[in-house]
Amino acid sequence: MTKFEQAMQDVKDGKIVPPSVSYGSTPIDYFGYQLAVHKFDLNILAIGMKKKGVKLKDLKDYYGLTGKTAKECVPQLKEIINQYKATL
């Protein structure tokens, strides 16, 4: 189980409370927001740019991604996003 899957399970079990995220006064699903931000970050890394505070190693570790480059990891993260959307 990846750290991402473990965090979602811990929220379901009530072990942790996710931070609240909102757009104006509309609440947003925390894990959906997190996936969107990390997808953006990974795409930045995939085109060869750097982003302060973002390391490919950390993203790979959190989501269980494999591959040497960010470009190789993008399709894997997109699949995780599609799986997450299917659970909503």
PDB file of N, CA and C in Angstrom:
ATOM      1  N   MET A   1       0.849  -1.182   0.000  1.00  0.00           N
ATOM      2  CA  MET A   1       0.000   0.000   0.000  1.00  0.00           C
ATOM      3  C   MET A   1       0.890   1.239   0.000  1.00  0.00           C
ATOM      4  N   THR A   2       0.616   2.157  -0.909  1.00  0.00           N
ATOM      5  CA  THR A   2       1.416   3.378  -0.989  1.00  0.00           C
ATOM      6  C   THR A   2       1.033   4.336   0.144  1.00  0.00           C
ATOM      7  N   LYS A   3       1.844   5.347   0.330  1.00  0.00           N
ATOM      8  CA  LYS A   3       1.557   6.339   1.369  1.00  0.00           C
ATOM      9  C   LYS A   3       0.262   7.094   1.063  1.00  0.00           C
ATOM     10  N   PHE A   4      -0.002   7.322  -0.211  1.00  0.00           N
ATOM     11  CA  PHE A   4      -1.243   7.976  -0.629  1.00  0.00           C
ATOM     12  C   PHE A   4      -2.445   7.111  -0.262  1.00  0.00           C
ATOM     13  N   GLU A   5      -2.383   5.835  -0.592  1.00  0.00           N
ATOM     14  CA  GLU A   5      -3.480   4.912  -0.262  1.00  0.00           C
ATOM     15  C   GLU A   5      -3.648   4.788   1.244  1.00  0.00           C
ATOM     16  N   GLN A   6      -2.525   4.772   1.972  1.00  0.00           N
ATOM     17  CA  GLN A   6      -2.585   4.676   3.426  1.00  0.00           C
ATOM     18  C   GLN A   6      -3.243   5.920   4.024  1.00  0.00           C
ATOM     19  N   ALA A   7      -2.912   7.088   3.495  1.00  0.00           N
ATOM     20  CA  ALA A   7      -3.521   8.322   4.003  1.00  0.00           C
ATOM     21  C   ALA A   7      -5.030   8.319   3.759  1.00  0.00           C
ATOM     22  N   MET A   8      -5.461   7.872   2.571  1.00  0.00           N
ATOM     23  CA  MET A   8      -6.905   7.815   2.292  1.00  0.00           C
ATOM     24  C   MET A   8      -7.587   6.824   3.227  1.00  0.00           C
ATOM     25  N   GLN A   9      -6.937   5.690   3.490  1.00  0.00           N
ATOM     26  CA  GLN A   9      -7.515   4.694   4.390  1.00  0.00           C
ATOM     27  C   GLN A   9      -7.595   5.227   5.816  1.00  0.00           C
ATOM     28  N   ASP A  10      -6.568   5.942   6.257  1.00  0.00           N
ATOM     29  CA  ASP A  10      -6.574   6.517   7.603  1.00  0.00           C
ATOM     30  C   ASP A  10      -7.695   7.541   7.772  1.00  0.00           C
ATOM     31  N   VAL A  11      -7.991   8.299   6.730  1.00  0.00           N
ATOM     32  CA  VAL A  11      -9.099   9.255   6.789  1.00  0.00           C
ATOM     33  C   VAL A  11     -10.426   8.498   6.880  1.00  0.00           C
ATOM     34  N   LYS A  12     -10.576   7.438   6.081  1.00  0.00           N
ATOM     35  CA  LYS A  12     -11.806   6.642   6.128  1.00  0.00           C
ATOM     36  C   LYS A  12     -12.020   6.031   7.501  1.00  0.00           C
ATOM     37  N   ASP A  13     -10.907   5.561   8.113  1.00  0.00           N
ATOM     38  CA  ASP A  13     -10.987   4.919   9.424  1.00  0.00           C
ATOM     39  C   ASP A  13     -11.100   5.919  10.567  1.00  0.00           C
ATOM     40  N   GLY A  14     -10.955   7.209  10.260  1.00  0.00           N
ATOM     41  CA  GLY A  14     -11.057   8.241  11.285  1.00  0.00           C
ATOM     42  C   GLY A  14      -9.788   8.424  12.100  1.00  0.00           C
ATOM     43  N   LYS A  15      -8.680   7.863  11.644  1.00  0.00           N
ATOM     44  CA  LYS A  15      -7.417   7.997  12.373  1.00  0.00           C
ATOM     45  C   LYS A  15      -6.819   9.385  12.218  1.00  0.00           C
ATOM     46  N   ILE A  16      -7.040  10.005  11.054  1.00  0.00           N
ATOM     47  CA  ILE A  16      -6.543  11.356  10.822  1.00  0.00           C
ATOM     48  C   ILE A  16      -7.657  12.186  10.184  1.00  0.00           C
ATOM     49  N   VAL A  17      -7.534  13.486  10.316  1.00  0.00           N
ATOM     50  CA  VAL A  17      -8.481  14.413   9.702  1.00  0.00           C
ATOM     51  C   VAL A  17      -7.718  15.203   8.651  1.00  0.00           C
ATOM     52  N   PRO A  18      -8.165  15.155   7.400  1.00  0.00           N
ATOM     53  CA  PRO A  18      -7.437  15.898   6.364  1.00  0.00           C
ATOM     54  C   PRO A  18      -7.625  17.399   6.533  1.00  0.00           C
ATOM     55  N   PRO A  19      -6.667  18.182   6.072  1.00  0.00           N
ATOM     56  CA  PRO A  19      -6.837  19.634   6.134  1.00  0.00           C
ATOM     57  C   PRO A  19      -8.042  20.062   5.305  1.00  0.00           C
ATOM     58  N   SER A  20      -8.672  21.138   5.699  1.00  0.00           N
ATOM     59  CA  SER A  20      -9.805  21.621   4.916  1.00  0.00           C
ATOM     60  C   SER A  20      -9.286  22.506   3.794  1.00  0.00           C
ATOM     61  N   VAL A  21      -9.831  22.283   2.609  1.00  0.00           N
ATOM     62  CA  VAL A  21      -9.453  23.052   1.424  1.00  0.00           C
ATOM     63  C   VAL A  21     -10.745  23.604   0.850  1.00  0.00           C
ATOM     64  N   SER A  22     -10.716  24.879   0.472  1.00  0.00           N
ATOM     65  CA  SER A  22     -11.930  25.453  -0.093  1.00  0.00           C
ATOM     66  C   SER A  22     -11.584  26.420  -1.213  1.00  0.00           C
ATOM     67  N   TYR A  23     -12.560  26.610  -2.066  1.00  0.00           N
ATOM     68  CA  TYR A  23     -12.473  27.596  -3.138  1.00  0.00           C
ATOM     69  C   TYR A  23     -13.558  28.613  -2.827  1.00  0.00           C
ATOM     70  N   GLY A  24     -13.134  29.730  -2.270  1.00  0.00           N
ATOM     71  CA  GLY A  24     -14.114  30.684  -1.764  1.00  0.00           C
ATOM     72  C   GLY A  24     -14.792  30.071  -0.558  1.00  0.00           C
ATOM     73  N   SER A  25     -16.105  29.895  -0.644  1.00  0.00           N
ATOM     74  CA  SER A  25     -16.824  29.261   0.457  1.00  0.00           C
ATOM     75  C   SER A  25     -17.193  27.813   0.143  1.00  0.00           C
ATOM     76  N   THR A  26     -16.754  27.310  -1.013  1.00  0.00           N
ATOM     77  CA  THR A  26     -17.072  25.948  -1.422  1.00  0.00           C
ATOM     78  C   THR A  26     -15.960  24.995  -1.000  1.00  0.00           C
ATOM     79  N   PRO A  27     -16.276  24.003  -0.152  1.00  0.00           N
ATOM     80  CA  PRO A  27     -15.249  23.032   0.241  1.00  0.00           C
ATOM     81  C   PRO A  27     -14.841  22.152  -0.939  1.00  0.00           C
ATOM     82  N   ILE A  28     -13.573  21.785  -0.964  1.00  0.00           N
ATOM     83  CA  ILE A  28     -13.018  20.942  -2.016  1.00  0.00           C
ATOM     84  C   ILE A  28     -12.439  19.687  -1.370  1.00  0.00           C
ATOM     85  N   ASP A  29     -12.582  18.560  -2.036  1.00  0.00           N
ATOM     86  CA  ASP A  29     -12.017  17.302  -1.556  1.00  0.00           C
ATOM     87  C   ASP A  29     -10.493  17.438  -1.457  1.00  0.00           C
ATOM     88  N   TYR A  30      -9.937  17.150  -0.295  1.00  0.00           N
ATOM     89  CA  TYR A  30      -8.509  17.338  -0.062  1.00  0.00           C
ATOM     90  C   TYR A  30      -7.658  16.476  -0.988  1.00  0.00           C
ATOM     91  N   PHE A  31      -7.997  15.200  -1.125  1.00  0.00           N
ATOM     92  CA  PHE A  31      -7.172  14.306  -1.939  1.00  0.00           C
ATOM     93  C   PHE A  31      -7.275  14.650  -3.423  1.00  0.00           C
ATOM     94  N   GLY A  32      -8.415  15.102  -3.867  1.00  0.00           N
ATOM     95  CA  GLY A  32      -8.552  15.564  -5.245  1.00  0.00           C
ATOM     96  C   GLY A  32      -7.679  16.780  -5.499  1.00  0.00           C
ATOM     97  N   TYR A  33      -7.670  17.695  -4.537  1.00  0.00           N
ATOM     98  CA  TYR A  33      -6.823  18.889  -4.637  1.00  0.00           C
ATOM     99  C   TYR A  33      -5.349  18.495  -4.662  1.00  0.00           C
ATOM    100  N   GLN A  34      -4.991  17.586  -3.788  1.00  0.00           N
ATOM    101  CA  GLN A  34      -3.604  17.134  -3.707  1.00  0.00           C
ATOM    102  C   GLN A  34      -3.158  16.481  -5.018  1.00  0.00           C
ATOM    103  N   LEU A  35      -4.014  15.652  -5.586  1.00  0.00           N
ATOM    104  CA  LEU A  35      -3.690  15.019  -6.866  1.00  0.00           C
ATOM    105  C   LEU A  35      -3.516  16.057  -7.973  1.00  0.00           C
ATOM    106  N   ALA A  36      -4.381  17.050  -7.993  1.00  0.00           N
ATOM    107  CA  ALA A  36      -4.291  18.090  -9.026  1.00  0.00           C
ATOM    108  C   ALA A  36      -2.987  18.875  -8.907  1.00  0.00           C
ATOM    109  N   VAL A  37      -2.607  19.231  -7.701  1.00  0.00           N
ATOM    110  CA  VAL A  37      -1.372  19.982  -7.488  1.00  0.00           C
ATOM    111  C   VAL A  37      -0.161  19.133  -7.862  1.00  0.00           C
ATOM    112  N   HIS A  38      -0.178  17.872  -7.457  1.00  0.00           N
ATOM    113  CA  HIS A  38       0.959  17.010  -7.758  1.00  0.00           C
ATOM    114  C   HIS A  38       1.049  16.681  -9.245  1.00  0.00           C
ATOM    115  N   LYS A  39      -0.084  16.613  -9.927  1.00  0.00           N
ATOM    116  CA  LYS A  39      -0.072  16.407 -11.375  1.00  0.00           C
ATOM    117  C   LYS A  39       0.584  17.620 -12.048  1.00  0.00           C
ATOM    118  N   PHE A  40       0.214  18.806 -11.615  1.00  0.00           N
ATOM    119  CA  PHE A  40       0.819  20.035 -12.138  1.00  0.00           C
ATOM    120  C   PHE A  40       2.327  20.031 -11.898  1.00  0.00           C
ATOM    121  N   ASP A  41       2.729  19.718 -10.672  1.00  0.00           N
ATOM    122  CA  ASP A  41       4.148  19.701 -10.327  1.00  0.00           C
ATOM    123  C   ASP A  41       4.910  18.680 -11.171  1.00  0.00           C
ATOM    124  N   LEU A  42       4.350  17.488 -11.331  1.00  0.00           N
ATOM    125  CA  LEU A  42       5.016  16.440 -12.093  1.00  0.00           C
ATOM    126  C   LEU A  42       5.138  16.822 -13.567  1.00  0.00           C
ATOM    127  N   ASN A  43       4.131  17.480 -14.101  1.00  0.00           N
ATOM    128  CA  ASN A  43       4.204  17.939 -15.487  1.00  0.00           C
ATOM    129  C   ASN A  43       5.279  19.007 -15.669  1.00  0.00           C
ATOM    130  N   ILE A  44       5.456  19.874 -14.685  1.00  0.00           N
ATOM    131  CA  ILE A  44       6.526  20.869 -14.717  1.00  0.00           C
ATOM    132  C   ILE A  44       7.879  20.163 -14.753  1.00  0.00           C
ATOM    133  N   LEU A  45       8.042  19.158 -13.895  1.00  0.00           N
ATOM    134  CA  LEU A  45       9.298  18.416 -13.867  1.00  0.00           C
ATOM    135  C   LEU A  45       9.518  17.650 -15.173  1.00  0.00           C
ATOM    136  N   ALA A  46       8.436  17.152 -15.763  1.00  0.00           N
ATOM    137  CA  ALA A  46       8.533  16.341 -16.983  1.00  0.00           C
ATOM    138  C   ALA A  46       9.009  17.143 -18.185  1.00  0.00           C
ATOM    139  N   ILE A  47       8.743  18.450 -18.201  1.00  0.00           N
ATOM    140  CA  ILE A  47       9.216  19.254 -19.337  1.00  0.00           C
ATOM    141  C   ILE A  47      10.617  19.817 -19.094  1.00  0.00           C
ATOM    142  N   GLY A  48      11.215  19.425 -17.979  1.00  0.00           N
ATOM    143  CA  GLY A  48      12.603  19.790 -17.723  1.00  0.00           C
ATOM    144  C   GLY A  48      12.812  20.992 -16.836  1.00  0.00           C
ATOM    145  N   MET A  49      11.736  21.523 -16.290  1.00  0.00           N
ATOM    146  CA  MET A  49      11.870  22.668 -15.392  1.00  0.00           C
ATOM    147  C   MET A  49      11.968  22.170 -13.950  1.00  0.00           C
ATOM    148  N   LYS A  50      12.445  23.029 -13.079  1.00  0.00           N
ATOM    149  CA  LYS A  50      12.500  22.713 -11.654  1.00  0.00           C
ATOM    150  C   LYS A  50      11.445  23.534 -10.938  1.00  0.00           C
ATOM    151  N   LYS A  51      10.987  23.022  -9.820  1.00  0.00           N
ATOM    152  CA  LYS A  51      10.009  23.737  -9.013  1.00  0.00           C
ATOM    153  C   LYS A  51      10.478  23.683  -7.567  1.00  0.00           C
ATOM    154  N   LYS A  52      10.562  24.834  -6.963  1.00  0.00           N
ATOM    155  CA  LYS A  52      11.067  24.916  -5.597  1.00  0.00           C
ATOM    156  C   LYS A  52      10.195  24.082  -4.661  1.00  0.00           C
ATOM    157  N   GLY A  53      10.838  23.257  -3.864  1.00  0.00           N
ATOM    158  CA  GLY A  53      10.133  22.456  -2.872  1.00  0.00           C
ATOM    159  C   GLY A  53       9.552  21.160  -3.401  1.00  0.00           C
ATOM    160  N   VAL A  54       9.741  20.867  -4.680  1.00  0.00           N
ATOM    161  CA  VAL A  54       9.184  19.653  -5.269  1.00  0.00           C
ATOM    162  C   VAL A  54      10.326  18.765  -5.738  1.00  0.00           C
ATOM    163  N   LYS A  55      10.337  17.536  -5.239  1.00  0.00           N
ATOM    164  CA  LYS A  55      11.351  16.573  -5.641  1.00  0.00           C
ATOM    165  C   LYS A  55      10.663  15.357  -6.234  1.00  0.00           C
ATOM    166  N   LEU A  56      11.174  14.889  -7.359  1.00  0.00           N
ATOM    167  CA  LEU A  56      10.613  13.714  -8.010  1.00  0.00           C
ATOM    168  C   LEU A  56      10.636  12.521  -7.068  1.00  0.00           C
ATOM    169  N   LYS A  57      11.696  12.385  -6.309  1.00  0.00           N
ATOM    170  CA  LYS A  57      11.828  11.264  -5.374  1.00  0.00           C
ATOM    171  C   LYS A  57      10.661  11.239  -4.381  1.00  0.00           C
ATOM    172  N   ASP A  58      10.279  12.395  -3.882  1.00  0.00           N
ATOM    173  CA  ASP A  58       9.177  12.464  -2.916  1.00  0.00           C
ATOM    174  C   ASP A  58       7.850  12.052  -3.550  1.00  0.00           C
ATOM    175  N   LEU A  59       7.585  12.520  -4.767  1.00  0.00           N
ATOM    176  CA  LEU A  59       6.348  12.151  -5.455  1.00  0.00           C
ATOM    177  C   LEU A  59       6.320  10.657  -5.759  1.00  0.00           C
ATOM    178  N   LYS A  60       7.457  10.124  -6.216  1.00  0.00           N
ATOM    179  CA  LYS A  60       7.529   8.699  -6.518  1.00  0.00           C
ATOM    180  C   LYS A  60       7.288   7.874  -5.263  1.00  0.00           C
ATOM    181  N   ASP A  61       7.854   8.306  -4.149  1.00  0.00           N
ATOM    182  CA  ASP A  61       7.702   7.582  -2.884  1.00  0.00           C
ATOM    183  C   ASP A  61       6.259   7.634  -2.382  1.00  0.00           C
ATOM    184  N   TYR A  62       5.612   8.778  -2.483  1.00  0.00           N
ATOM    185  CA  TYR A  62       4.255   8.956  -1.958  1.00  0.00           C
ATOM    186  C   TYR A  62       3.213   8.173  -2.761  1.00  0.00           C
ATOM    187  N   TYR A  63       3.359   8.173  -4.084  1.00  0.00           N
ATOM    188  CA  TYR A  63       2.368   7.517  -4.939  1.00  0.00           C
ATOM    189  C   TYR A  63       2.801   6.133  -5.420  1.00  0.00           C
ATOM    190  N   GLY A  64       4.034   5.721  -5.137  1.00  0.00           N
ATOM    191  CA  GLY A  64       4.520   4.429  -5.594  1.00  0.00           C
ATOM    192  C   GLY A  64       4.820   4.405  -7.081  1.00  0.00           C
ATOM    193  N   LEU A  65       5.240   5.542  -7.617  1.00  0.00           N
ATOM    194  CA  LEU A  65       5.547   5.635  -9.044  1.00  0.00           C
ATOM    195  C   LEU A  65       6.911   5.013  -9.331  1.00  0.00           C
ATOM    196  N   THR A  66       7.064   4.457 -10.541  1.00  0.00           N
ATOM    197  CA  THR A  66       8.340   3.887 -10.940  1.00  0.00           C
ATOM    198  C   THR A  66       8.817   4.573 -12.214  1.00  0.00           C
ATOM    199  N   GLY A  67      10.098   4.546 -12.408  1.00  0.00           N
ATOM    200  CA  GLY A  67      10.678   5.187 -13.583  1.00  0.00           C
ATOM    201  C   GLY A  67      11.788   6.113 -13.148  1.00  0.00           C
ATOM    202  N   LYS A  68      12.696   6.381 -14.070  1.00  0.00           N
ATOM    203  CA  LYS A  68      13.840   7.235 -13.747  1.00  0.00           C
ATOM    204  C   LYS A  68      13.531   8.709 -13.912  1.00  0.00           C
ATOM    205  N   THR A  69      12.617   9.044 -14.817  1.00  0.00           N
ATOM    206  CA  THR A  69      12.344  10.449 -15.098  1.00  0.00           C
ATOM    207  C   THR A  69      10.895  10.789 -14.776  1.00  0.00           C
ATOM    208  N   ALA A  70      10.647  12.077 -14.647  1.00  0.00           N
ATOM    209  CA  ALA A  70       9.281  12.539 -14.400  1.00  0.00           C
ATOM    210  C   ALA A  70       8.379  12.216 -15.583  1.00  0.00           C
ATOM    211  N   LYS A  71       8.938  12.282 -16.778  1.00  0.00           N
ATOM    212  CA  LYS A  71       8.163  11.998 -17.985  1.00  0.00           C
ATOM    213  C   LYS A  71       7.615  10.563 -17.962  1.00  0.00           C
ATOM    214  N   GLU A  72       8.389   9.643 -17.411  1.00  0.00           N
ATOM    215  CA  GLU A  72       7.957   8.247 -17.300  1.00  0.00           C
ATOM    216  C   GLU A  72       6.876   8.069 -16.221  1.00  0.00           C
ATOM    217  N   CYS A  73       6.837   8.967 -15.259  1.00  0.00           N
ATOM    218  CA  CYS A  73       5.900   8.851 -14.138  1.00  0.00           C
ATOM    219  C   CYS A  73       4.544   9.503 -14.411  1.00  0.00           C
ATOM    220  N   VAL A  74       4.482  10.432 -15.358  1.00  0.00           N
ATOM    221  CA  VAL A  74       3.241  11.157 -15.635  1.00  0.00           C
ATOM    222  C   VAL A  74       2.079  10.211 -15.969  1.00  0.00           C
ATOM    223  N   PRO A  75       2.246   9.236 -16.875  1.00  0.00           N
ATOM    224  CA  PRO A  75       1.113   8.343 -17.181  1.00  0.00           C
ATOM    225  C   PRO A  75       0.649   7.528 -15.962  1.00  0.00           C
ATOM    226  N   GLN A  76       1.583   7.185 -15.098  1.00  0.00           N
ATOM    227  CA  GLN A  76       1.227   6.431 -13.900  1.00  0.00           C
ATOM    228  C   GLN A  76       0.371   7.282 -12.957  1.00  0.00           C
ATOM    229  N   LEU A  77       0.747   8.551 -12.792  1.00  0.00           N
ATOM    230  CA  LEU A  77      -0.041   9.433 -11.932  1.00  0.00           C
ATOM    231  C   LEU A  77      -1.416   9.685 -12.534  1.00  0.00           C
ATOM    232  N   LYS A  78      -1.485   9.808 -13.864  1.00  0.00           N
ATOM    233  CA  LYS A  78      -2.786   9.991 -14.513  1.00  0.00           C
ATOM    234  C   LYS A  78      -3.688   8.789 -14.267  1.00  0.00           C
ATOM    235  N   GLU A  79      -3.118   7.597 -14.252  1.00  0.00           N
ATOM    236  CA  GLU A  79      -3.897   6.390 -13.965  1.00  0.00           C
ATOM    237  C   GLU A  79      -4.398   6.408 -12.520  1.00  0.00           C
ATOM    238  N   ILE A  80      -3.561   6.851 -11.596  1.00  0.00           N
ATOM    239  CA  ILE A  80      -3.981   6.968 -10.189  1.00  0.00           C
ATOM    240  C   ILE A  80      -5.130   7.959 -10.079  1.00  0.00           C
ATOM    241  N   ILE A  81      -5.050   9.066 -10.798  1.00  0.00           N
ATOM    242  CA  ILE A  81      -6.115  10.071 -10.786  1.00  0.00           C
ATOM    243  C   ILE A  81      -7.409   9.478 -11.332  1.00  0.00           C
ATOM    244  N   ASN A  82      -7.320   8.740 -12.436  1.00  0.00           N
ATOM    245  CA  ASN A  82      -8.513   8.108 -13.007  1.00  0.00           C
ATOM    246  C   ASN A  82      -9.134   7.110 -12.038  1.00  0.00           C
ATOM    247  N   GLN A  83      -8.304   6.345 -11.355  1.00  0.00           N
ATOM    248  CA  GLN A  83      -8.806   5.399 -10.340  1.00  0.00           C
ATOM    249  C   GLN A  83      -9.483   6.138  -9.201  1.00  0.00           C
ATOM    250  N   TYR A  84      -8.891   7.256  -8.795  1.00  0.00           N
ATOM    251  CA  TYR A  84      -9.474   8.038  -7.703  1.00  0.00           C
ATOM    252  C   TYR A  84     -10.825   8.613  -8.109  1.00  0.00           C
ATOM    253  N   LYS A  85     -10.909   9.130  -9.336  1.00  0.00           N
ATOM    254  CA  LYS A  85     -12.179   9.675  -9.823  1.00  0.00           C
ATOM    255  C   LYS A  85     -13.255   8.604  -9.871  1.00  0.00           C
ATOM    256  N   ALA A  86     -12.875   7.380 -10.181  1.00  0.00           N
ATOM    257  CA  ALA A  86     -13.843   6.278 -10.252  1.00  0.00           C
ATOM    258  C   ALA A  86     -14.418   5.938  -8.878  1.00  0.00           C
ATOM    259  N   THR A  87     -13.685   6.260  -7.802  1.00  0.00           N
ATOM    260  CA  THR A  87     -14.178   5.955  -6.461  1.00  0.00           C
ATOM    261  C   THR A  87     -15.117   7.028  -5.917  1.00  0.00           C
ATOM    262  N   LEU A  88     -15.185   8.164  -6.582  1.00  0.00           N
ATOM    263  CA  LEU A  88     -16.035   9.260  -6.082  1.00  0.00           C
ATOM    264  C   LEU A  88     -17.488   9.014  -6.362  1.00  0.00           C
TER     265      LEU A  88
END
